[in-house]
Amino acid sequence: MDDIAIDILNNNAEKIFKLIDSQKTHLCLAQCPAFEEIIDTQLFGFSKQVEFAIEIGILQENEGHQMMSKLERALNDVCTQVYNEMYQSNKIKTRPLKK
């Protein structure tokens, strides 16, 4: 039973990874608030699943943190990539510092 629950969590994490990864090709994250909301909702729901699995003893706390950290890093990587590409294409304007 524990293995089934872990498999379900891993499958759910993989779905979120795929959703995040799809943005590496489309890079529409910055222009798409709906996508950002979807990711936030998915990550929040997944974090609750992980917390529940930890509470009932199916998942160790450090394993749950690792699962969440991997997803958060993947999202951060995509956001950084989008920002860098937008910055390089001058879609993000920087203001000079006041003296």
C-alpha atoms as a PDB file:
ATOM      1  CA  MET A   1       0.000   0.000   0.000  1.00  0.00           C
ATOM      2  CA  ASP A   2       2.856   2.400   0.845  1.00  0.00           C
ATOM      3  CA  ASP A   3       4.480   1.691  -2.521  1.00  0.00           C
ATOM      4  CA  ILE A   4       1.237   2.537  -4.322  1.00  0.00           C
ATOM      5  CA  ALA A   5       0.985   5.864  -2.491  1.00  0.00           C
ATOM      6  CA  ILE A   6       4.629   6.703  -3.290  1.00  0.00           C
ATOM      7  CA  ASP A   7       4.020   5.801  -6.949  1.00  0.00           C
ATOM      8  CA  ILE A   8       1.001   8.114  -7.035  1.00  0.00           C
ATOM      9  CA  LEU A   9       3.053  10.964  -5.547  1.00  0.00           C
ATOM     10  CA  ASN A  10       5.851  10.344  -8.039  1.00  0.00           C
ATOM     11  CA  ASN A  11       3.344  10.311 -10.924  1.00  0.00           C
ATOM     12  CA  ASN A  12       1.820  13.568  -9.720  1.00  0.00           C
ATOM     13  CA  ALA A  13       5.272  15.130  -9.430  1.00  0.00           C
ATOM     14  CA  GLU A  14       6.103  13.939 -12.954  1.00  0.00           C
ATOM     15  CA  LYS A  15       2.954  15.604 -14.327  1.00  0.00           C
ATOM     16  CA  ILE A  16       3.992  18.891 -12.741  1.00  0.00           C
ATOM     17  CA  PHE A  17       7.552  18.476 -14.084  1.00  0.00           C
ATOM     18  CA  LYS A  18       6.134  17.984 -17.582  1.00  0.00           C
ATOM     19  CA  LEU A  19       3.954  21.071 -17.227  1.00  0.00           C
ATOM     20  CA  ILE A  20       6.926  23.129 -16.074  1.00  0.00           C
ATOM     21  CA  ASP A  21       9.203  21.623 -18.713  1.00  0.00           C
ATOM     22  CA  SER A  22       6.743  22.448 -21.484  1.00  0.00           C
ATOM     23  CA  GLN A  23       7.372  26.101 -20.695  1.00  0.00           C
ATOM     24  CA  LYS A  24      11.054  25.724 -21.520  1.00  0.00           C
ATOM     25  CA  THR A  25      10.015  25.366 -25.152  1.00  0.00           C
ATOM     26  CA  HIS A  26       7.219  27.907 -25.148  1.00  0.00           C
ATOM     27  CA  LEU A  27       8.716  30.410 -22.693  1.00  0.00           C
ATOM     28  CA  CYS A  28       5.334  32.021 -22.214  1.00  0.00           C
ATOM     29  CA  LEU A  29       5.488  31.990 -18.430  1.00  0.00           C
ATOM     30  CA  ALA A  30       6.049  35.724 -18.109  1.00  0.00           C
ATOM     31  CA  GLN A  31       3.194  36.570 -20.472  1.00  0.00           C
ATOM     32  CA  CYS A  32       0.800  33.971 -19.122  1.00  0.00           C
ATOM     33  CA  PRO A  33      -0.551  34.655 -15.625  1.00  0.00           C
ATOM     34  CA  ALA A  34      -2.998  31.767 -16.028  1.00  0.00           C
ATOM     35  CA  PHE A  35      -0.089  29.329 -16.365  1.00  0.00           C
ATOM     36  CA  GLU A  36       1.511  30.795 -13.258  1.00  0.00           C
ATOM     37  CA  GLU A  37      -1.762  30.285 -11.347  1.00  0.00           C
ATOM     38  CA  ILE A  38      -1.996  26.698 -12.580  1.00  0.00           C
ATOM     39  CA  ILE A  39       1.557  25.934 -11.448  1.00  0.00           C
ATOM     40  CA  ASP A  40       0.967  27.587  -8.054  1.00  0.00           C
ATOM     41  CA  THR A  41      -2.221  25.565  -7.598  1.00  0.00           C
ATOM     42  CA  GLN A  42      -0.536  22.328  -8.698  1.00  0.00           C
ATOM     43  CA  LEU A  43       2.422  22.879  -6.373  1.00  0.00           C
ATOM     44  CA  PHE A  44       0.156  23.780  -3.455  1.00  0.00           C
ATOM     45  CA  GLY A  45      -1.994  20.686  -3.988  1.00  0.00           C
ATOM     46  CA  PHE A  46       1.069  18.495  -4.334  1.00  0.00           C
ATOM     47  CA  SER A  47       2.591  19.945  -1.154  1.00  0.00           C
ATOM     48  CA  LYS A  48      -0.595  18.994   0.713  1.00  0.00           C
ATOM     49  CA  GLN A  49      -0.382  15.447  -0.659  1.00  0.00           C
ATOM     50  CA  VAL A  50       3.233  15.245   0.480  1.00  0.00           C
ATOM     51  CA  GLU A  51       2.357  16.594   3.939  1.00  0.00           C
ATOM     52  CA  PHE A  52      -0.416  14.018   4.271  1.00  0.00           C
ATOM     53  CA  ALA A  53       1.904  11.184   3.193  1.00  0.00           C
ATOM     54  CA  ILE A  54       4.429  12.325   5.812  1.00  0.00           C
ATOM     55  CA  GLU A  55       1.766  12.563   8.524  1.00  0.00           C
ATOM     56  CA  ILE A  56       0.530   9.018   7.967  1.00  0.00           C
ATOM     57  CA  GLY A  57       4.062   7.658   7.805  1.00  0.00           C
ATOM     58  CA  ILE A  58       4.173   6.675   4.135  1.00  0.00           C
ATOM     59  CA  LEU A  59       6.896   9.180   3.301  1.00  0.00           C
ATOM     60  CA  GLN A  60       9.859  10.362   5.332  1.00  0.00           C
ATOM     61  CA  GLU A  61       9.992  14.110   5.934  1.00  0.00           C
ATOM     62  CA  ASN A  62      13.315  14.510   4.124  1.00  0.00           C
ATOM     63  CA  GLU A  63      11.940  12.621   1.096  1.00  0.00           C
ATOM     64  CA  GLY A  64       8.960  14.954   0.965  1.00  0.00           C
ATOM     65  CA  HIS A  65      11.195  17.999   1.159  1.00  0.00           C
ATOM     66  CA  GLN A  66      13.356  16.604  -1.640  1.00  0.00           C
ATOM     67  CA  MET A  67      10.311  16.074  -3.859  1.00  0.00           C
ATOM     68  CA  MET A  68       9.129  19.636  -3.298  1.00  0.00           C
ATOM     69  CA  SER A  69      12.620  21.092  -3.719  1.00  0.00           C
ATOM     70  CA  LYS A  70      13.075  19.387  -7.089  1.00  0.00           C
ATOM     71  CA  LEU A  71       9.814  20.859  -8.371  1.00  0.00           C
ATOM     72  CA  GLU A  72      10.575  24.313  -7.010  1.00  0.00           C
ATOM     73  CA  ARG A  73      14.058  24.245  -8.572  1.00  0.00           C
ATOM     74  CA  ALA A  74      12.602  23.194 -11.920  1.00  0.00           C
ATOM     75  CA  LEU A  75      10.134  26.081 -11.791  1.00  0.00           C
ATOM     76  CA  ASN A  76      12.857  28.505 -10.743  1.00  0.00           C
ATOM     77  CA  ASP A  77      15.040  27.330 -13.647  1.00  0.00           C
ATOM     78  CA  VAL A  78      12.247  28.028 -16.135  1.00  0.00           C
ATOM     79  CA  CYS A  79      11.525  31.443 -14.611  1.00  0.00           C
ATOM     80  CA  THR A  80      15.216  32.327 -14.754  1.00  0.00           C
ATOM     81  CA  GLN A  81      15.444  31.168 -18.356  1.00  0.00           C
ATOM     82  CA  VAL A  82      12.386  33.236 -19.335  1.00  0.00           C
ATOM     83  CA  TYR A  83      13.738  36.306 -17.551  1.00  0.00           C
ATOM     84  CA  ASN A  84      17.181  35.944 -19.153  1.00  0.00           C
ATOM     85  CA  GLU A  85      15.753  35.525 -22.635  1.00  0.00           C
ATOM     86  CA  MET A  86      13.417  38.479 -22.194  1.00  0.00           C
ATOM     87  CA  TYR A  87      16.244  40.597 -20.797  1.00  0.00           C
ATOM     88  CA  GLN A  88      18.529  39.679 -23.678  1.00  0.00           C
ATOM     89  CA  SER A  89      15.836  40.527 -26.221  1.00  0.00           C
ATOM     90  CA  ASN A  90      15.322  43.895 -24.470  1.00  0.00           C
ATOM     91  CA  LYS A  91      11.731  43.121 -23.509  1.00  0.00           C
ATOM     92  CA  ILE A  92      12.691  43.938 -19.929  1.00  0.00           C
ATOM     93  CA  LYS A  93      13.885  47.480 -19.538  1.00  0.00           C
ATOM     94  CA  THR A  94      16.216  48.354 -16.736  1.00  0.00           C
ATOM     95  CA  ARG A  95      16.176  51.770 -15.138  1.00  0.00           C
ATOM     96  CA  PRO A  96      19.432  53.551 -14.441  1.00  0.00           C
ATOM     97  CA  LEU A  97      20.277  53.963 -10.795  1.00  0.00           C
ATOM     98  CA  LYS A  98      19.808  57.433  -9.370  1.00  0.00           C
ATOM     99  CA  LYS A  99      22.955  59.118  -8.150  1.00  0.00           C
END
